[in-house]
Amino acid sequence: MDLINRSVADANAKVQVFRLAFGTADPGLSLTATEIHGLVGAYFAEGRTRCEVALNDPVPRPEAKAALLAALCMDSALPRGGTIRMNHADGLWTVAATGALRPDPDNWAVLAGKAPAQSPTASTVHFALLPRALHDLGRCARITRAPDRLAIAF
């Protein structure tokens, strides 16, 4: 019974994150730091990837949407697991991943604005949606890469 309860909780967490990341984000609404911590904590609770969130103040839903999409992009770059850190300070988001990074060059070229978006698949749709979410915020992704770290700032 415990396994069933954990599976249901995991599925609910994924649905909540997907609703925010892939749904409409009303700019008049905000998410509290506690809500974002809860969403991210529940989403990454059962996998090989951990996610840490440094956030104290409420953020507008469109910003939270972009941050979650960036975290999903980072998760895709960590097929064997690792750590994602989401930081929000002075209006700037930085979402960074450390671990055994294997970013797909084609998807990351789209985020960097160096290639047009291709027709996304279910496993890559977040790469197509993040530039749109950032455009709606009037921002663009600044991507930095080191051998053991990949980051998106906006």
C-alpha atoms as a PDB file:
ATOM      1  CA  MET A   1       0.000   0.000   0.000  1.00  0.00           C
ATOM      2  CA  ASP A   2       2.899   2.337   0.749  1.00  0.00           C
ATOM      3  CA  LEU A   3       4.252   1.837  -2.777  1.00  0.00           C
ATOM      4  CA  ILE A   4       0.864   2.760  -4.269  1.00  0.00           C
ATOM      5  CA  ASN A   5       0.634   5.882  -2.102  1.00  0.00           C
ATOM      6  CA  ARG A   6       4.141   6.996  -3.137  1.00  0.00           C
ATOM      7  CA  SER A   7       3.311   6.371  -6.801  1.00  0.00           C
ATOM      8  CA  VAL A   8       0.140   8.441  -6.541  1.00  0.00           C
ATOM      9  CA  ALA A   9       1.989  11.263  -4.773  1.00  0.00           C
ATOM     10  CA  ASP A  10       4.740  11.182  -7.431  1.00  0.00           C
ATOM     11  CA  ALA A  11       2.183  11.286 -10.264  1.00  0.00           C
ATOM     12  CA  ASN A  12       0.332  14.194  -8.608  1.00  0.00           C
ATOM     13  CA  ALA A  13       3.595  16.139  -8.231  1.00  0.00           C
ATOM     14  CA  LYS A  14       4.419  15.658 -11.902  1.00  0.00           C
ATOM     15  CA  VAL A  15       0.934  16.761 -12.976  1.00  0.00           C
ATOM     16  CA  GLN A  16       1.175  19.921 -10.846  1.00  0.00           C
ATOM     17  CA  VAL A  17       4.580  20.840 -12.289  1.00  0.00           C
ATOM     18  CA  PHE A  18       3.407  20.090 -15.836  1.00  0.00           C
ATOM     19  CA  ARG A  19       0.268  22.212 -15.354  1.00  0.00           C
ATOM     20  CA  LEU A  20       2.385  25.201 -14.402  1.00  0.00           C
ATOM     21  CA  ALA A  21       5.236  24.606 -16.881  1.00  0.00           C
ATOM     22  CA  PHE A  22       3.052  23.760 -19.883  1.00  0.00           C
ATOM     23  CA  GLY A  23      -0.131  25.661 -19.065  1.00  0.00           C
ATOM     24  CA  THR A  24      -1.204  29.279 -19.193  1.00  0.00           C
ATOM     25  CA  ALA A  25       0.526  31.505 -16.646  1.00  0.00           C
ATOM     26  CA  ASP A  26      -1.596  34.486 -15.620  1.00  0.00           C
ATOM     27  CA  PRO A  27       0.782  37.413 -15.042  1.00  0.00           C
ATOM     28  CA  GLY A  28      -1.545  38.749 -12.358  1.00  0.00           C
ATOM     29  CA  LEU A  29      -0.991  35.698 -10.161  1.00  0.00           C
ATOM     30  CA  SER A  30       2.019  34.759  -8.083  1.00  0.00           C
ATOM     31  CA  LEU A  31       3.437  31.664  -6.454  1.00  0.00           C
ATOM     32  CA  THR A  32       4.901  31.806  -2.979  1.00  0.00           C
ATOM     33  CA  ALA A  33       8.348  30.467  -2.214  1.00  0.00           C
ATOM     34  CA  THR A  34       6.693  27.703  -0.188  1.00  0.00           C
ATOM     35  CA  GLU A  35       4.569  26.642  -3.162  1.00  0.00           C
ATOM     36  CA  ILE A  36       7.572  26.500  -5.490  1.00  0.00           C
ATOM     37  CA  HIS A  37       9.663  24.609  -2.921  1.00  0.00           C
ATOM     38  CA  GLY A  38       6.811  22.123  -2.549  1.00  0.00           C
ATOM     39  CA  LEU A  39       6.306  21.630  -6.282  1.00  0.00           C
ATOM     40  CA  VAL A  40       9.983  21.173  -7.039  1.00  0.00           C
ATOM     41  CA  GLY A  41      10.638  19.050  -3.970  1.00  0.00           C
ATOM     42  CA  ALA A  42       7.801  16.670  -4.774  1.00  0.00           C
ATOM     43  CA  TYR A  43       8.680  16.477  -8.478  1.00  0.00           C
ATOM     44  CA  PHE A  44      12.304  15.521  -7.875  1.00  0.00           C
ATOM     45  CA  ALA A  45      11.735  13.453  -4.719  1.00  0.00           C
ATOM     46  CA  GLU A  46      11.882  10.014  -6.341  1.00  0.00           C
ATOM     47  CA  GLY A  47      14.523  10.420  -9.041  1.00  0.00           C
ATOM     48  CA  ARG A  48      18.288  10.492  -9.286  1.00  0.00           C
ATOM     49  CA  THR A  49      18.305  14.255  -9.657  1.00  0.00           C
ATOM     50  CA  ARG A  50      18.008  16.570  -6.678  1.00  0.00           C
ATOM     51  CA  CYS A  51      16.769  20.117  -6.999  1.00  0.00           C
ATOM     52  CA  GLU A  52      17.569  22.913  -4.573  1.00  0.00           C
ATOM     53  CA  VAL A  53      15.637  26.179  -4.642  1.00  0.00           C
ATOM     54  CA  ALA A  54      16.981  29.484  -3.287  1.00  0.00           C
ATOM     55  CA  LEU A  55      13.898  31.665  -3.219  1.00  0.00           C
ATOM     56  CA  ASN A  56      12.316  33.708  -0.462  1.00  0.00           C
ATOM     57  CA  ASP A  57       9.750  35.978  -2.077  1.00  0.00           C
ATOM     58  CA  PRO A  58       6.664  35.300  -4.184  1.00  0.00           C
ATOM     59  CA  VAL A  59       7.230  35.380  -7.937  1.00  0.00           C
ATOM     60  CA  PRO A  60       4.786  36.007 -10.792  1.00  0.00           C
ATOM     61  CA  ARG A  61       3.475  32.812 -12.357  1.00  0.00           C
ATOM     62  CA  PRO A  62       5.087  33.536 -15.748  1.00  0.00           C
ATOM     63  CA  GLU A  63       8.510  33.700 -14.065  1.00  0.00           C
ATOM     64  CA  ALA A  64       7.813  30.509 -12.119  1.00  0.00           C
ATOM     65  CA  LYS A  65       6.761  28.844 -15.370  1.00  0.00           C
ATOM     66  CA  ALA A  66      10.021  29.831 -17.085  1.00  0.00           C
ATOM     67  CA  ALA A  67      12.068  28.670 -14.086  1.00  0.00           C
ATOM     68  CA  LEU A  68      10.340  25.280 -14.081  1.00  0.00           C
ATOM     69  CA  LEU A  69      10.845  24.904 -17.833  1.00  0.00           C
ATOM     70  CA  ALA A  70      14.543  25.700 -17.312  1.00  0.00           C
ATOM     71  CA  ALA A  71      14.714  23.078 -14.550  1.00  0.00           C
ATOM     72  CA  LEU A  72      13.144  20.522 -16.900  1.00  0.00           C
ATOM     73  CA  CYS A  73      15.772  21.396 -19.530  1.00  0.00           C
ATOM     74  CA  MET A  74      18.477  20.844 -16.922  1.00  0.00           C
ATOM     75  CA  ASP A  75      16.925  17.548 -15.909  1.00  0.00           C
ATOM     76  CA  SER A  76      17.123  16.417 -19.538  1.00  0.00           C
ATOM     77  CA  ALA A  77      20.861  17.179 -19.493  1.00  0.00           C
ATOM     78  CA  LEU A  78      21.359  14.910 -16.462  1.00  0.00           C
ATOM     79  CA  PRO A  79      20.386  11.421 -17.674  1.00  0.00           C
ATOM     80  CA  ARG A  80      22.331   9.776 -14.822  1.00  0.00           C
ATOM     81  CA  GLY A  81      21.231  12.261 -12.197  1.00  0.00           C
ATOM     82  CA  GLY A  82      22.875  15.206 -10.535  1.00  0.00           C
ATOM     83  CA  THR A  83      21.910  18.437  -8.835  1.00  0.00           C
ATOM     84  CA  ILE A  84      19.850  21.327 -10.155  1.00  0.00           C
ATOM     85  CA  ARG A  85      19.974  24.633  -8.322  1.00  0.00           C
ATOM     86  CA  MET A  86      17.308  27.261  -8.908  1.00  0.00           C
ATOM     87  CA  ASN A  87      18.209  30.716  -7.625  1.00  0.00           C
ATOM     88  CA  HIS A  88      16.147  33.889  -7.752  1.00  0.00           C
ATOM     89  CA  ALA A  89      17.794  37.114  -6.607  1.00  0.00           C
ATOM     90  CA  ASP A  90      17.229  40.739  -7.577  1.00  0.00           C
ATOM     91  CA  GLY A  91      14.776  39.734 -10.321  1.00  0.00           C
ATOM     92  CA  LEU A  92      17.274  37.390 -11.996  1.00  0.00           C
ATOM     93  CA  TRP A  93      16.834  33.626 -12.234  1.00  0.00           C
ATOM     94  CA  THR A  94      19.753  31.245 -12.533  1.00  0.00           C
ATOM     95  CA  VAL A  95      18.994  27.566 -13.020  1.00  0.00           C
ATOM     96  CA  ALA A  96      22.150  25.469 -12.988  1.00  0.00           C
ATOM     97  CA  ALA A  97      22.961  21.779 -13.192  1.00  0.00           C
ATOM     98  CA  THR A  98      25.995  19.878 -11.970  1.00  0.00           C
ATOM     99  CA  GLY A  99      26.757  16.221 -12.457  1.00  0.00           C
ATOM    100  CA  ALA A 100      27.421  13.952 -15.418  1.00  0.00           C
ATOM    101  CA  LEU A 101      26.118  16.404 -18.016  1.00  0.00           C
ATOM    102  CA  ARG A 102      25.003  15.200 -21.440  1.00  0.00           C
ATOM    103  CA  PRO A 103      23.112  18.103 -23.027  1.00  0.00           C
ATOM    104  CA  ASP A 104      21.679  17.449 -26.475  1.00  0.00           C
ATOM    105  CA  PRO A 105      23.411  19.984 -28.764  1.00  0.00           C
ATOM    106  CA  ASP A 106      20.365  20.503 -30.986  1.00  0.00           C
ATOM    107  CA  ASN A 107      18.021  21.316 -28.088  1.00  0.00           C
ATOM    108  CA  TRP A 108      20.518  23.642 -26.441  1.00  0.00           C
ATOM    109  CA  ALA A 109      21.194  25.433 -29.736  1.00  0.00           C
ATOM    110  CA  VAL A 110      17.478  26.313 -29.846  1.00  0.00           C
ATOM    111  CA  LEU A 111      17.665  27.759 -26.310  1.00  0.00           C
ATOM    112  CA  ALA A 112      20.760  29.753 -27.208  1.00  0.00           C
ATOM    113  CA  GLY A 113      18.969  31.195 -30.264  1.00  0.00           C
ATOM    114  CA  LYS A 114      21.488  29.583 -32.608  1.00  0.00           C
ATOM    115  CA  ALA A 115      19.007  27.254 -34.307  1.00  0.00           C
ATOM    116  CA  PRO A 116      15.296  27.351 -35.145  1.00  0.00           C
ATOM    117  CA  ALA A 117      12.975  25.227 -33.063  1.00  0.00           C
ATOM    118  CA  GLN A 118      12.172  21.873 -34.589  1.00  0.00           C
ATOM    119  CA  SER A 119       8.893  20.049 -34.058  1.00  0.00           C
ATOM    120  CA  PRO A 120       9.181  19.039 -30.422  1.00  0.00           C
ATOM    121  CA  THR A 121       8.558  15.568 -29.079  1.00  0.00           C
ATOM    122  CA  ALA A 122       7.059  14.844 -25.678  1.00  0.00           C
ATOM    123  CA  SER A 123      10.553  14.538 -24.229  1.00  0.00           C
ATOM    124  CA  THR A 124      11.786  17.848 -25.706  1.00  0.00           C
ATOM    125  CA  VAL A 125       8.757  20.142 -25.593  1.00  0.00           C
ATOM    126  CA  HIS A 126      10.216  22.148 -22.690  1.00  0.00           C
ATOM    127  CA  PHE A 127      13.090  23.226 -24.973  1.00  0.00           C
ATOM    128  CA  ALA A 128      10.544  24.677 -27.416  1.00  0.00           C
ATOM    129  CA  LEU A 129       8.441  26.330 -24.707  1.00  0.00           C
ATOM    130  CA  LEU A 130      11.197  28.009 -22.672  1.00  0.00           C
ATOM    131  CA  PRO A 131      12.179  30.552 -25.374  1.00  0.00           C
ATOM    132  CA  ARG A 132       8.501  31.464 -25.788  1.00  0.00           C
ATOM    133  CA  ALA A 133       8.033  31.880 -22.035  1.00  0.00           C
ATOM    134  CA  LEU A 134      11.134  34.061 -21.846  1.00  0.00           C
ATOM    135  CA  HIS A 135       9.974  36.123 -24.847  1.00  0.00           C
ATOM    136  CA  ASP A 136       6.678  36.755 -23.039  1.00  0.00           C
ATOM    137  CA  LEU A 137       8.727  38.056 -20.081  1.00  0.00           C
ATOM    138  CA  GLY A 138      10.836  40.250 -22.372  1.00  0.00           C
ATOM    139  CA  ARG A 139      13.933  38.212 -21.548  1.00  0.00           C
ATOM    140  CA  CYS A 140      16.281  35.794 -23.250  1.00  0.00           C
ATOM    141  CA  ALA A 141      18.302  32.864 -22.000  1.00  0.00           C
ATOM    142  CA  ARG A 142      21.975  33.331 -21.249  1.00  0.00           C
ATOM    143  CA  ILE A 143      23.550  29.897 -21.268  1.00  0.00           C
ATOM    144  CA  THR A 144      26.950  29.144 -19.772  1.00  0.00           C
ATOM    145  CA  ARG A 145      28.742  25.843 -19.922  1.00  0.00           C
ATOM    146  CA  ALA A 146      31.725  24.473 -18.056  1.00  0.00           C
ATOM    147  CA  PRO A 147      32.853  20.827 -17.967  1.00  0.00           C
ATOM    148  CA  ASP A 148      30.903  20.130 -14.786  1.00  0.00           C
ATOM    149  CA  ARG A 149      28.242  22.876 -14.840  1.00  0.00           C
ATOM    150  CA  LEU A 150      25.512  24.082 -17.169  1.00  0.00           C
ATOM    151  CA  ALA A 151      23.452  27.185 -16.389  1.00  0.00           C
ATOM    152  CA  ILE A 152      20.590  29.217 -17.786  1.00  0.00           C
ATOM    153  CA  ALA A 153      20.146  32.767 -16.530  1.00  0.00           C
ATOM    154  CA  PHE A 154      17.278  35.090 -17.369  1.00  0.00           C
END
